[in-house]
Amino acid sequence: MKSCLLCLAIVIASFFCPVVLAQQASLEECRKLQLKIERYDELRSNGGSGPQMDAWKRSRRALEKQFRTGGCRYYRWELK
């Protein structure tokens, strides 16, 4: 019974982790993420081989996901 309750607590906690992470990103961390995203935009606008462009797009999307889950949209006016 105790192990079942422990498993249930872990599952419930895993759903709330993104909420906790969303409140942890600082303005400086969000600026760094934004600069990295802009760098990938610049690389892709300059062109490259197909596989390289796809790799840059995947990296950019991963950074965008960190930006969203980190709560950086809260700082959107300071980041402009």
N, C-alpha and C. Protein backbone atom coordinates (compact mmCIF):
# COMPACT_ATOMS: atom_id res chain seq x y z
N MET A 1 0.83 -1.20 0.00
CA MET A 1 0.00 0.00 0.00
C MET A 1 0.87 1.25 0.00
N LYS A 2 1.92 1.24 0.84
CA LYS A 2 2.78 2.42 0.91
C LYS A 2 3.51 2.65 -0.41
N SER A 3 3.95 1.57 -1.05
CA SER A 3 4.65 1.72 -2.33
C SER A 3 3.70 2.25 -3.40
N CYS A 4 2.45 1.86 -3.34
CA CYS A 4 1.45 2.36 -4.29
C CYS A 4 1.22 3.86 -4.10
N LEU A 5 1.15 4.28 -2.85
CA LEU A 5 0.99 5.70 -2.55
C LEU A 5 2.21 6.50 -2.98
N LEU A 6 3.39 5.92 -2.80
CA LEU A 6 4.62 6.58 -3.22
C LEU A 6 4.63 6.76 -4.73
N CYS A 7 4.25 5.72 -5.46
CA CYS A 7 4.19 5.81 -6.92
C CYS A 7 3.18 6.88 -7.36
N LEU A 8 2.05 6.93 -6.71
CA LEU A 8 1.04 7.92 -7.02
C LEU A 8 1.56 9.33 -6.75
N ALA A 9 2.27 9.50 -5.66
CA ALA A 9 2.84 10.81 -5.33
C ALA A 9 3.87 11.23 -6.37
N ILE A 10 4.68 10.29 -6.84
CA ILE A 10 5.68 10.62 -7.87
C ILE A 10 5.01 11.03 -9.17
N VAL A 11 3.97 10.31 -9.55
CA VAL A 11 3.25 10.64 -10.79
C VAL A 11 2.61 12.03 -10.68
N ILE A 12 2.00 12.31 -9.57
CA ILE A 12 1.36 13.62 -9.38
C ILE A 12 2.42 14.72 -9.38
N ALA A 13 3.53 14.49 -8.72
CA ALA A 13 4.59 15.50 -8.67
C ALA A 13 5.17 15.76 -10.05
N SER A 14 5.24 14.73 -10.90
CA SER A 14 5.79 14.93 -12.24
C SER A 14 4.92 15.85 -13.08
N PHE A 15 3.63 15.88 -12.82
CA PHE A 15 2.75 16.79 -13.54
C PHE A 15 2.95 18.24 -13.12
N PHE A 16 3.38 18.46 -11.90
CA PHE A 16 3.55 19.80 -11.40
C PHE A 16 4.96 20.34 -11.58
N CYS A 17 5.90 19.53 -12.02
CA CYS A 17 7.27 19.98 -12.23
C CYS A 17 7.38 21.13 -13.23
N PRO A 18 6.69 21.07 -14.40
CA PRO A 18 6.80 22.19 -15.32
C PRO A 18 6.33 23.51 -14.72
N VAL A 19 5.35 23.45 -13.83
CA VAL A 19 4.86 24.66 -13.18
C VAL A 19 5.95 25.25 -12.29
N VAL A 20 6.64 24.40 -11.56
CA VAL A 20 7.72 24.87 -10.70
C VAL A 20 8.86 25.42 -11.54
N LEU A 21 9.22 24.71 -12.61
CA LEU A 21 10.30 25.18 -13.49
C LEU A 21 9.94 26.49 -14.16
N ALA A 22 8.66 26.68 -14.46
CA ALA A 22 8.23 27.90 -15.14
C ALA A 22 8.50 29.13 -14.28
N GLN A 23 8.57 28.96 -12.99
CA GLN A 23 8.78 30.10 -12.11
C GLN A 23 10.25 30.30 -11.76
N GLN A 24 11.14 29.44 -12.26
CA GLN A 24 12.53 29.50 -11.83
C GLN A 24 13.43 30.29 -12.77
N ALA A 25 13.06 30.50 -14.02
CA ALA A 25 13.94 31.19 -14.96
C ALA A 25 14.04 32.67 -14.61
N SER A 26 15.27 33.16 -14.56
CA SER A 26 15.48 34.57 -14.28
C SER A 26 15.50 35.35 -15.59
N LEU A 27 15.45 36.65 -15.49
CA LEU A 27 15.49 37.50 -16.67
C LEU A 27 16.79 37.27 -17.44
N GLU A 28 17.90 37.11 -16.75
CA GLU A 28 19.19 36.90 -17.41
C GLU A 28 19.20 35.56 -18.17
N GLU A 29 18.66 34.52 -17.58
CA GLU A 29 18.58 33.23 -18.26
C GLU A 29 17.71 33.33 -19.51
N CYS A 30 16.63 34.08 -19.41
CA CYS A 30 15.75 34.26 -20.56
C CYS A 30 16.45 35.05 -21.66
N ARG A 31 17.24 36.05 -21.30
CA ARG A 31 18.00 36.80 -22.30
C ARG A 31 18.99 35.90 -23.03
N LYS A 32 19.66 35.02 -22.28
CA LYS A 32 20.61 34.10 -22.90
C LYS A 32 19.90 33.17 -23.87
N LEU A 33 18.74 32.66 -23.48
CA LEU A 33 17.98 31.79 -24.37
C LEU A 33 17.55 32.55 -25.63
N GLN A 34 17.11 33.77 -25.45
CA GLN A 34 16.67 34.56 -26.59
C GLN A 34 17.84 34.82 -27.55
N LEU A 35 19.02 35.12 -27.02
CA LEU A 35 20.18 35.35 -27.87
C LEU A 35 20.57 34.08 -28.64
N LYS A 36 20.47 32.93 -27.98
CA LYS A 36 20.78 31.67 -28.67
C LYS A 36 19.77 31.40 -29.79
N ILE A 37 18.50 31.69 -29.53
CA ILE A 37 17.46 31.51 -30.54
C ILE A 37 17.73 32.42 -31.73
N GLU A 38 18.08 33.68 -31.46
CA GLU A 38 18.37 34.63 -32.53
C GLU A 38 19.61 34.21 -33.32
N ARG A 39 20.57 33.59 -32.64
CA ARG A 39 21.77 33.11 -33.33
C ARG A 39 21.41 32.02 -34.33
N TYR A 40 20.54 31.09 -33.93
CA TYR A 40 20.11 30.05 -34.87
C TYR A 40 19.31 30.64 -36.03
N ASP A 41 18.53 31.69 -35.77
CA ASP A 41 17.83 32.38 -36.86
C ASP A 41 18.84 32.94 -37.86
N GLU A 42 19.89 33.54 -37.34
CA GLU A 42 20.93 34.13 -38.19
C GLU A 42 21.65 33.05 -39.00
N LEU A 43 22.00 31.95 -38.35
CA LEU A 43 22.67 30.85 -39.06
C LEU A 43 21.79 30.32 -40.19
N ARG A 44 20.52 30.12 -39.90
CA ARG A 44 19.63 29.57 -40.92
C ARG A 44 19.38 30.56 -42.05
N SER A 45 19.37 31.85 -41.76
CA SER A 45 19.15 32.82 -42.83
C SER A 45 20.36 32.90 -43.77
N ASN A 46 21.54 32.55 -43.25
CA ASN A 46 22.74 32.55 -44.08
C ASN A 46 22.82 31.29 -44.94
N GLY A 47 22.03 30.29 -44.63
CA GLY A 47 21.98 29.08 -45.42
C GLY A 47 22.98 28.04 -44.97
N GLY A 48 22.90 26.89 -45.60
CA GLY A 48 23.78 25.78 -45.29
C GLY A 48 23.26 24.52 -45.94
N SER A 49 23.90 23.42 -45.67
CA SER A 49 23.45 22.15 -46.23
C SER A 49 22.12 21.75 -45.59
N GLY A 50 21.41 20.87 -46.25
CA GLY A 50 20.12 20.42 -45.73
C GLY A 50 20.19 19.84 -44.33
N PRO A 51 21.11 18.89 -44.11
CA PRO A 51 21.19 18.32 -42.75
C PRO A 51 21.58 19.36 -41.69
N GLN A 52 22.44 20.29 -42.06
CA GLN A 52 22.84 21.32 -41.10
C GLN A 52 21.66 22.24 -40.76
N MET A 53 20.89 22.61 -41.78
CA MET A 53 19.72 23.46 -41.55
C MET A 53 18.71 22.75 -40.64
N ASP A 54 18.52 21.44 -40.86
CA ASP A 54 17.60 20.67 -40.01
C ASP A 54 18.10 20.60 -38.57
N ALA A 55 19.41 20.43 -38.41
CA ALA A 55 19.98 20.38 -37.06
C ALA A 55 19.79 21.72 -36.35
N TRP A 56 20.00 22.81 -37.07
CA TRP A 56 19.80 24.14 -36.47
C TRP A 56 18.34 24.35 -36.09
N LYS A 57 17.43 23.87 -36.94
CA LYS A 57 16.01 24.02 -36.64
C LYS A 57 15.63 23.23 -35.39
N ARG A 58 16.15 22.00 -35.28
CA ARG A 58 15.87 21.19 -34.09
C ARG A 58 16.43 21.86 -32.84
N SER A 59 17.63 22.39 -32.94
CA SER A 59 18.23 23.07 -31.79
C SER A 59 17.43 24.30 -31.40
N ARG A 60 16.99 25.05 -32.39
CA ARG A 60 16.20 26.26 -32.13
C ARG A 60 14.87 25.89 -31.45
N ARG A 61 14.24 24.84 -31.93
CA ARG A 61 12.97 24.42 -31.33
C ARG A 61 13.16 23.95 -29.89
N ALA A 62 14.27 23.30 -29.61
CA ALA A 62 14.56 22.88 -28.24
C ALA A 62 14.74 24.10 -27.34
N LEU A 63 15.41 25.13 -27.86
CA LEU A 63 15.59 26.36 -27.08
C LEU A 63 14.26 27.07 -26.87
N GLU A 64 13.41 27.08 -27.90
CA GLU A 64 12.08 27.68 -27.75
C GLU A 64 11.28 26.97 -26.68
N LYS A 65 11.41 25.66 -26.63
CA LYS A 65 10.69 24.90 -25.61
C LYS A 65 11.19 25.27 -24.22
N GLN A 66 12.51 25.41 -24.06
CA GLN A 66 13.07 25.84 -22.78
C GLN A 66 12.56 27.24 -22.44
N PHE A 67 12.48 28.10 -23.43
CA PHE A 67 12.01 29.47 -23.25
C PHE A 67 10.58 29.46 -22.71
N ARG A 68 9.75 28.64 -23.32
CA ARG A 68 8.34 28.56 -22.88
C ARG A 68 8.21 27.93 -21.50
N THR A 69 8.86 26.78 -21.29
CA THR A 69 8.71 26.09 -20.02
C THR A 69 9.41 26.82 -18.88
N GLY A 70 10.36 27.67 -19.23
CA GLY A 70 11.06 28.44 -18.21
C GLY A 70 10.30 29.68 -17.77
N GLY A 71 9.17 29.93 -18.38
CA GLY A 71 8.37 31.10 -18.00
C GLY A 71 8.91 32.40 -18.54
N CYS A 72 9.66 32.35 -19.62
CA CYS A 72 10.28 33.57 -20.15
C CYS A 72 9.28 34.51 -20.81
N ARG A 73 8.11 34.02 -21.13
CA ARG A 73 7.10 34.91 -21.72
C ARG A 73 6.68 35.99 -20.71
N TYR A 74 6.91 35.73 -19.46
CA TYR A 74 6.63 36.71 -18.42
C TYR A 74 7.48 37.97 -18.62
N TYR A 75 8.69 37.79 -19.15
CA TYR A 75 9.64 38.90 -19.35
C TYR A 75 9.60 39.46 -20.77
N ARG A 76 8.56 39.16 -21.53
CA ARG A 76 8.58 39.50 -22.95
C ARG A 76 8.83 40.99 -23.21
N TRP A 77 8.36 41.86 -22.35
CA TRP A 77 8.55 43.30 -22.61
C TRP A 77 9.99 43.72 -22.30
N GLU A 78 10.62 43.10 -21.34
CA GLU A 78 12.01 43.42 -21.01
C GLU A 78 12.99 42.85 -22.04
N LEU A 79 12.56 41.83 -22.77
CA LEU A 79 13.44 41.16 -23.72
C LEU A 79 13.42 41.81 -25.11
N LYS A 80 12.56 42.77 -25.33
CA LYS A 80 12.50 43.41 -26.66
C LYS A 80 13.61 44.40 -26.84
